[in-house]
Amino acid sequence: MQSLIRQNDPEAANQYITEVATFMRTIMDSGRKELVSLAEEIAIEEKYIALEQKRKAFSYTLRKECNHDLASIDFPPLLLQPIIENSIRHGLADAVRNPSLTITIRCEAADLILTVADNGIGFDASVKTPGHGLSLTSKRIALLNEKLPSMQITLQTRTAYGTGTVTEIRLSKWLS
């Protein structure tokens, strides 16, 4: 927004403000629900990604490797958001050539697997402590696992310097 104002482009700045406000209302509405459809969750995340692409150039790909209708799959709202945010804000640094973000949705028997992958800078997982967003996500997953003991959610991250980061959320026995 500041950049658009400095570039003397008030129309684009106003448009960006409108998009951010709409996104924030969507997040607040979604956050009040226990579950949303996976289609709704992906739509919200794609709005966020589009906003970030206005700040930083990177490619985005959604891969659906699942025969289920995403509108019929329940999903905890905003579970992906902190993971996507970390990939964009921390992983896809300015030094990364052809930065890209890929979200993959897979179904294996009754398990739903979502993967967020970036080709960014990565990090040393043995040294780095989880940030605020991922810490809250882990706590949220623990609460969901308590509430739904037969349908466990796990979060696993693989990363290394210079190779990017892949975070997998597995929702076990989630599909019927």
Protein backbone atom coordinates (compact mmCIF):
# COMPACT_ATOMS: atom_id res chain seq x y z
CA MET A 1 0.00 0.00 0.00
CA GLN A 2 2.81 2.37 0.94
CA SER A 3 4.53 1.61 -2.34
CA LEU A 4 1.38 2.43 -4.32
CA ILE A 5 1.00 5.70 -2.44
CA ARG A 6 4.69 6.59 -3.03
CA GLN A 7 4.18 5.77 -6.72
CA ASN A 8 1.31 8.28 -6.71
CA ASP A 9 -1.25 5.63 -7.66
CA PRO A 10 -4.16 6.35 -5.31
CA GLU A 11 -6.59 4.29 -7.39
CA ALA A 12 -4.49 1.14 -7.03
CA ALA A 13 -3.93 1.91 -3.32
CA ASN A 14 -7.70 2.25 -2.79
CA GLN A 15 -8.30 -1.01 -4.65
CA TYR A 16 -5.71 -2.78 -2.47
CA ILE A 17 -7.31 -1.38 0.71
CA THR A 18 -10.70 -2.66 -0.47
CA GLU A 19 -9.26 -6.11 -1.18
CA VAL A 20 -7.56 -6.28 2.23
CA ALA A 21 -10.76 -5.18 4.00
CA THR A 22 -12.81 -7.79 2.12
CA PHE A 23 -10.24 -10.45 2.97
CA MET A 24 -10.28 -9.48 6.66
CA ARG A 25 -14.10 -9.72 6.79
CA THR A 26 -13.91 -13.15 5.15
CA ILE A 27 -11.34 -14.31 7.71
CA MET A 28 -13.42 -13.07 10.62
CA ASP A 29 -16.55 -14.82 9.29
CA SER A 30 -14.64 -18.03 8.64
CA GLY A 31 -12.87 -17.96 12.00
CA ARG A 32 -16.20 -18.09 13.83
CA LYS A 33 -17.00 -21.50 12.38
CA GLU A 34 -15.70 -24.81 13.66
CA LEU A 35 -15.41 -26.21 10.14
CA VAL A 36 -15.72 -24.84 6.62
CA SER A 37 -15.65 -26.67 3.32
CA LEU A 38 -12.18 -27.31 1.93
CA ALA A 39 -13.29 -25.42 -1.19
CA GLU A 40 -14.07 -22.39 0.98
CA GLU A 41 -10.72 -22.69 2.79
CA ILE A 42 -8.80 -22.84 -0.49
CA ALA A 43 -10.73 -19.82 -1.83
CA ILE A 44 -9.77 -17.83 1.29
CA GLU A 45 -6.12 -18.85 0.99
CA GLU A 46 -6.09 -17.96 -2.70
CA LYS A 47 -7.34 -14.45 -1.84
CA TYR A 48 -4.49 -14.15 0.65
CA ILE A 49 -1.98 -15.42 -1.92
CA ALA A 50 -3.26 -12.92 -4.50
CA LEU A 51 -2.75 -10.08 -2.00
CA GLU A 52 0.79 -11.28 -1.28
CA GLN A 53 1.53 -11.53 -5.02
CA LYS A 54 0.87 -7.79 -5.25
CA ARG A 55 3.69 -7.25 -2.76
CA LYS A 56 6.09 -9.90 -4.00
CA ALA A 57 6.37 -11.73 -7.34
CA PHE A 58 6.07 -15.53 -7.11
CA SER A 59 4.17 -18.24 -8.91
CA TYR A 60 1.39 -20.21 -7.29
CA THR A 61 0.04 -23.63 -8.22
CA LEU A 62 -2.85 -25.61 -6.74
CA ARG A 63 -2.69 -29.34 -7.40
CA LYS A 64 -5.80 -31.37 -6.70
CA GLU A 65 -4.88 -35.04 -6.63
CA CYS A 66 -8.11 -36.13 -4.99
CA ASN A 67 -11.34 -37.31 -6.56
CA HIS A 68 -13.52 -35.93 -3.76
CA ASP A 69 -15.52 -32.75 -4.25
CA LEU A 70 -13.71 -30.14 -2.14
CA ALA A 71 -17.03 -28.48 -1.30
CA SER A 72 -18.11 -31.68 0.46
CA ILE A 73 -15.00 -32.00 2.68
CA ASP A 74 -15.11 -30.28 6.08
CA PHE A 75 -11.91 -28.52 7.10
CA PRO A 76 -10.77 -26.47 10.12
CA PRO A 77 -10.82 -22.84 8.97
CA LEU A 78 -7.54 -20.99 8.49
CA LEU A 79 -5.40 -24.00 9.38
CA LEU A 80 -3.31 -23.46 6.24
CA GLN A 81 -2.90 -19.70 6.60
CA PRO A 82 0.12 -19.51 8.96
CA ILE A 83 1.95 -22.14 6.91
CA ILE A 84 1.33 -20.30 3.65
CA GLU A 85 2.28 -17.00 5.28
CA ASN A 86 5.60 -18.45 6.51
CA SER A 87 6.40 -19.83 3.06
CA ILE A 88 5.76 -16.49 1.39
CA ARG A 89 7.16 -14.11 3.99
CA HIS A 90 10.18 -16.13 5.16
CA GLY A 91 10.89 -18.77 2.53
CA LEU A 92 10.45 -16.81 -0.68
CA ALA A 93 13.15 -14.26 0.03
CA ASP A 94 14.26 -11.75 -2.58
CA ALA A 95 17.34 -13.87 -3.34
CA VAL A 96 15.24 -16.85 -4.51
CA ARG A 97 15.20 -17.31 -8.29
CA ASN A 98 11.76 -18.03 -9.73
CA PRO A 99 10.06 -18.24 -6.34
CA SER A 100 7.09 -20.58 -6.25
CA LEU A 101 4.46 -21.84 -3.87
CA THR A 102 2.52 -25.05 -4.44
CA ILE A 103 -0.44 -26.38 -2.50
CA THR A 104 -1.25 -30.03 -3.13
CA ILE A 105 -4.44 -31.76 -1.99
CA ARG A 106 -4.29 -35.56 -1.89
CA CYS A 107 -6.60 -38.26 -0.66
CA GLU A 108 -5.22 -41.61 0.48
CA ALA A 109 -8.00 -43.99 1.52
CA ALA A 110 -9.75 -42.07 4.35
CA ASP A 111 -6.88 -39.59 4.88
CA LEU A 112 -6.82 -36.03 3.57
CA ILE A 113 -3.31 -34.70 2.99
CA LEU A 114 -2.50 -31.07 2.23
CA THR A 115 1.02 -30.05 1.37
CA VAL A 116 2.37 -26.51 1.19
CA ALA A 117 5.73 -26.40 -0.61
CA ASP A 118 8.00 -23.53 -1.51
CA ASN A 119 11.33 -23.46 -3.31
CA GLY A 120 12.64 -20.85 -0.92
CA ILE A 121 15.66 -20.46 1.29
CA GLY A 122 14.68 -23.13 3.83
CA PHE A 123 16.04 -23.12 7.36
CA ASP A 124 17.90 -25.28 9.83
CA ALA A 125 15.03 -27.00 11.66
CA SER A 126 17.32 -28.09 14.50
CA VAL A 127 18.08 -24.45 15.36
CA LYS A 128 14.96 -22.50 14.43
CA THR A 129 12.17 -22.33 16.98
CA PRO A 130 8.59 -22.23 15.68
CA GLY A 131 7.16 -18.76 15.27
CA HIS A 132 3.99 -17.46 16.84
CA GLY A 133 1.74 -18.57 13.95
CA LEU A 134 3.03 -22.13 13.86
CA SER A 135 2.96 -22.38 17.64
CA LEU A 136 -0.71 -21.38 17.66
CA THR A 137 -1.38 -23.82 14.80
CA SER A 138 0.19 -26.66 16.78
CA LYS A 139 -1.93 -25.79 19.83
CA ARG A 140 -5.03 -25.64 17.66
CA ILE A 141 -4.26 -29.03 16.17
CA ALA A 142 -3.83 -30.45 19.69
CA LEU A 143 -7.27 -29.11 20.66
CA LEU A 144 -8.86 -30.54 17.51
CA ASN A 145 -7.22 -33.90 18.20
CA GLU A 146 -8.67 -33.88 21.73
CA LYS A 147 -12.10 -33.03 20.40
CA LEU A 148 -11.97 -35.57 17.55
CA PRO A 149 -9.88 -38.46 18.91
CA SER A 150 -10.76 -40.82 16.05
CA MET A 151 -9.69 -38.27 13.40
CA GLN A 152 -6.14 -37.15 14.23
CA ILE A 153 -4.35 -34.25 12.54
CA THR A 154 -0.57 -34.24 12.22
CA LEU A 155 1.77 -31.53 10.98
CA GLN A 156 5.21 -32.33 9.58
CA THR A 157 7.77 -29.95 8.09
CA ARG A 158 10.80 -30.88 6.00
CA THR A 159 13.32 -28.16 5.22
CA ALA A 160 16.98 -27.39 4.72
CA TYR A 161 18.95 -24.33 3.74
CA GLY A 162 18.65 -23.65 0.03
CA THR A 163 16.12 -26.40 -0.71
CA GLY A 164 12.84 -24.84 0.34
CA THR A 165 10.27 -26.08 2.79
CA VAL A 166 7.51 -28.67 2.56
CA THR A 167 4.84 -28.76 5.25
CA GLU A 168 2.32 -31.57 5.29
CA ILE A 169 -0.96 -31.58 7.19
CA ARG A 170 -2.45 -35.06 7.41
CA LEU A 171 -6.03 -35.41 8.55
CA SER A 172 -6.32 -39.10 9.35
CA LYS A 173 -9.67 -40.84 8.89
CA TRP A 174 -11.12 -37.51 7.76
CA LEU A 175 -12.84 -38.72 4.60
CA SER A 176 -15.86 -40.95 4.55
